[in-house]
C-alpha atoms as a PDB file:
ATOM      1  CA  MET A   1      51.426  98.532  99.711  1.00  0.00           C
ATOM      2  CA  ALA A   2      52.123 101.778  97.895  1.00  0.00           C
ATOM      3  CA  LYS A   3      50.022 102.469  94.848  1.00  0.00           C
ATOM      4  CA  SER A   4      51.974 103.664  91.856  1.00  0.00           C
ATOM      5  CA  ALA A   5      51.209 106.905  90.088  1.00  0.00           C
ATOM      6  CA  VAL A   6      51.040 104.887  86.873  1.00  0.00           C
ATOM      7  CA  PRO A   7      47.553 104.908  85.421  1.00  0.00           C
ATOM      8  CA  ASP A   8      45.911 101.705  84.259  1.00  0.00           C
ATOM      9  CA  LYS A   9      47.429 102.295  80.852  1.00  0.00           C
ATOM     10  CA  GLN A  10      51.077 101.129  80.774  1.00  0.00           C
ATOM     11  CA  VAL A  11      53.694 103.832  80.297  1.00  0.00           C
ATOM     12  CA  GLY A  12      56.373 102.815  77.831  1.00  0.00           C
ATOM     13  CA  GLY A  13      59.940 103.801  77.271  1.00  0.00           C
ATOM     14  CA  VAL A  14      62.576 104.609  79.852  1.00  0.00           C
ATOM     15  CA  LYS A  15      60.109 106.384  82.118  1.00  0.00           C
ATOM     16  CA  GLY A  16      57.901 103.298  82.250  1.00  0.00           C
ATOM     17  CA  LEU A  17      60.920 101.073  82.907  1.00  0.00           C
ATOM     18  CA  PHE A  18      61.944 103.159  85.915  1.00  0.00           C
ATOM     19  CA  MET A  19      58.381 103.389  87.216  1.00  0.00           C
ATOM     20  CA  ARG A  20      57.881  99.613  87.020  1.00  0.00           C
ATOM     21  CA  GLY A  21      61.282  99.046  88.670  1.00  0.00           C
ATOM     22  CA  TYR A  22      60.372 101.397  91.502  1.00  0.00           C
ATOM     23  CA  ASP A  23      57.034  99.616  92.017  1.00  0.00           C
ATOM     24  CA  ARG A  24      58.794  96.228  92.195  1.00  0.00           C
ATOM     25  CA  LEU A  25      61.315  97.595  94.691  1.00  0.00           C
ATOM     26  CA  GLU A  26      58.516  98.978  96.879  1.00  0.00           C
ATOM     27  CA  ASN A  27      56.710  95.626  96.737  1.00  0.00           C
ATOM     28  CA  PHE A  28      59.913  93.795  97.676  1.00  0.00           C
ATOM     29  CA  ARG A  29      60.614  96.093 100.626  1.00  0.00           C
ATOM     30  CA  SER A  30      57.073  95.884 101.936  1.00  0.00           C
ATOM     31  CA  THR A  31      56.908  92.065 101.756  1.00  0.00           C
ATOM     32  CA  GLY A  32      59.946  91.293 103.924  1.00  0.00           C
ATOM     33  CA  GLY A  33      62.715  92.529 101.679  1.00  0.00           C
ATOM     34  CA  LYS A  34      63.305  95.429 104.048  1.00  0.00           C
ATOM     35  CA  THR A  35      65.176  93.184 106.455  1.00  0.00           C
ATOM     36  CA  ILE A  36      67.291  91.750 103.661  1.00  0.00           C
ATOM     37  CA  SER A  37      68.096  95.170 102.250  1.00  0.00           C
ATOM     38  CA  ASP A  38      68.910  96.517 105.730  1.00  0.00           C
ATOM     39  CA  VAL A  39      71.282  93.600 106.380  1.00  0.00           C
ATOM     40  CA  ALA A  40      72.896  94.070 102.962  1.00  0.00           C
ATOM     41  CA  PHE A  41      73.359  97.776 103.676  1.00  0.00           C
ATOM     42  CA  TRP A  42      74.884  97.006 107.092  1.00  0.00           C
ATOM     43  CA  LEU A  43      77.262  94.448 105.547  1.00  0.00           C
ATOM     44  CA  ALA A  44      78.354  96.894 102.846  1.00  0.00           C
ATOM     45  CA  LYS A  45      78.915  99.635 105.430  1.00  0.00           C
ATOM     46  CA  SER A  46      80.893  97.294 107.693  1.00  0.00           C
ATOM     47  CA  ALA A  47      83.008  96.047 104.782  1.00  0.00           C
ATOM     48  CA  GLY A  48      83.791  99.639 103.824  1.00  0.00           C
ATOM     49  CA  GLN A  49      84.835 100.512 107.360  1.00  0.00           C
ATOM     50  CA  LEU A  50      86.982  97.381 107.628  1.00  0.00           C
ATOM     51  CA  GLY A  51      88.619  98.154 104.279  1.00  0.00           C
ATOM     52  CA  PHE A  52      89.386 101.698 105.418  1.00  0.00           C
ATOM     53  CA  VAL A  53      90.939 100.471 108.673  1.00  0.00           C
ATOM     54  CA  LEU A  54      93.064  97.865 106.874  1.00  0.00           C
ATOM     55  CA  ALA A  55      94.228 100.340 104.223  1.00  0.00           C
ATOM     56  CA  THR A  56      95.238 103.065 106.682  1.00  0.00           C
ATOM     57  CA  THR A  57      96.886 100.595 109.056  1.00  0.00           C
ATOM     58  CA  SER A  58      98.912  99.030 106.269  1.00  0.00           C
ATOM     59  CA  MET A  59     100.049 102.497 105.145  1.00  0.00           C
ATOM     60  CA  VAL A  60     101.179 103.423 108.636  1.00  0.00           C
ATOM     61  CA  VAL A  61     102.905 100.089 109.266  1.00  0.00           C
ATOM     62  CA  LEU A  62     104.219  99.013 105.875  1.00  0.00           C
ATOM     63  CA  MET A  63     105.393 102.283 104.310  1.00  0.00           C
ATOM     64  CA  PRO A  64     108.143 102.899 106.916  1.00  0.00           C
ATOM     65  CA  LEU A  65     109.198  99.271 106.509  1.00  0.00           C
ATOM     66  CA  PHE A  66     109.534  99.696 102.732  1.00  0.00           C
ATOM     67  CA  PHE A  67     111.538 102.906 103.197  1.00  0.00           C
ATOM     68  CA  GLU A  68     113.856 101.212 105.682  1.00  0.00           C
ATOM     69  CA  ILE A  69     114.442  98.266 103.353  1.00  0.00           C
ATOM     70  CA  ALA A  70     115.327 100.640 100.507  1.00  0.00           C
ATOM     71  CA  ARG A  71     117.684 102.598 102.770  1.00  0.00           C
ATOM     72  CA  GLU A  72     119.370  99.391 103.939  1.00  0.00           C
ATOM     73  CA  ARG A  73     119.825  98.230 100.350  1.00  0.00           C
ATOM     74  CA  GLN A  74     121.395 101.579  99.397  1.00  0.00           C
ATOM     75  CA  MET A  75     123.723 101.470 102.412  1.00  0.00           C
ATOM     76  CA  LEU A  76     124.832  97.922 101.537  1.00  0.00           C
ATOM     77  CA  GLU A  77     125.622  98.965  97.963  1.00  0.00           C
ATOM     78  CA  THR A  78     127.683 101.888  99.287  1.00  0.00           C
ATOM     79  CA  GLU A  79     129.612  99.589 101.628  1.00  0.00           C
ATOM     80  CA  ARG A  80     130.253  97.166  98.766  1.00  0.00           C
ATOM     81  CA  SER A  81     131.758  99.944  96.664  1.00  0.00           C
ATOM     82  CA  ILE A  82     133.961 100.955  99.629  1.00  0.00           C
ATOM     83  CA  VAL A  83     135.056  97.320 100.061  1.00  0.00           C
ATOM     84  CA  LYS A  84     135.910  97.121  96.367  1.00  0.00           C
ATOM     85  CA  ASP A  85     138.075 100.262  96.621  1.00  0.00           C
ATOM     86  CA  LEU A  86     139.813  99.053  99.804  1.00  0.00           C
ATOM     87  CA  ARG A  87     140.530  95.625  98.312  1.00  0.00           C
ATOM     88  CA  SER A  88     142.134  97.300  95.317  1.00  0.00           C
ATOM     89  CA  GLN A  89     144.406  99.107  97.823  1.00  0.00           C
ATOM     90  CA  GLY A  90     145.466  95.744  99.297  1.00  0.00           C
ATOM     91  CA  TYR A  91     143.338  95.394 102.437  1.00  0.00           C
ATOM     92  CA  HIS A  92     142.350  91.865 103.518  1.00  0.00           C
ATOM     93  CA  ASP A  93     138.984  90.620 104.793  1.00  0.00           C
ATOM     94  CA  ASN A  94     140.085  90.611 108.441  1.00  0.00           C
ATOM     95  CA  GLN A  95     141.255  94.219 108.182  1.00  0.00           C
ATOM     96  CA  LEU A  96     137.934  95.244 106.592  1.00  0.00           C
ATOM     97  CA  THR A  97     136.027  93.503 109.395  1.00  0.00           C
ATOM     98  CA  ASP A  98     138.170  95.320 111.974  1.00  0.00           C
ATOM     99  CA  MET A  99     137.242  98.620 110.284  1.00  0.00           C
ATOM    100  CA  GLY A 100     133.569  97.920 111.086  1.00  0.00           C
ATOM    101  CA  ILE A 101     132.335  96.991 107.629  1.00  0.00           C
ATOM    102  CA  THR A 102     129.548  94.432 107.751  1.00  0.00           C
ATOM    103  CA  ARG A 103     130.212  90.871 106.637  1.00  0.00           C
ATOM    104  CA  SER A 104     127.398  91.049 104.090  1.00  0.00           C
ATOM    105  CA  ALA A 105     129.277  93.841 102.290  1.00  0.00           C
ATOM    106  CA  ILE A 106     132.628  92.025 102.441  1.00  0.00           C
ATOM    107  CA  PHE A 107     131.489  88.573 101.342  1.00  0.00           C
ATOM    108  CA  SER A 108     129.175  87.976  98.421  1.00  0.00           C
ATOM    109  CA  PRO A 109     125.907  86.193  99.293  1.00  0.00           C
ATOM    110  CA  SER A 110     125.714  82.417  98.929  1.00  0.00           C
ATOM    111  CA  VAL A 111     122.774  82.805  96.540  1.00  0.00           C
ATOM    112  CA  ALA A 112     122.549  85.059  93.496  1.00  0.00           C
ATOM    113  CA  SER A 113     121.471  88.603  94.343  1.00  0.00           C
ATOM    114  CA  SER A 114     118.932  90.498  92.257  1.00  0.00           C
ATOM    115  CA  LYS A 115     121.539  92.983  90.970  1.00  0.00           C
ATOM    116  CA  ASP A 116     124.095  90.412  89.763  1.00  0.00           C
END
């Protein structure tokens, strides 16, 4: 067991607080706490590595998905505006489908959309 540099007389204040805390930590580590602290350190390190892997993987996988969803939404809105213009010119749904416009742009969804 390590002997503290603290003389028999107690040191007060912040310095004494830190010195007593250090002595207690040394006593804990020398009486079997070393294994516990080593396991806790290993768990914290492993959790950090796992968190890093999950964060980077989700960025690589999910960010392109979010960009593609936004692009698809923008393309659908553009097609809807084209459908609106063509309908005002007198085109029917079958003619719009023959032009290659998607059915989701021609027909409104059966449930309320977020923009409506």
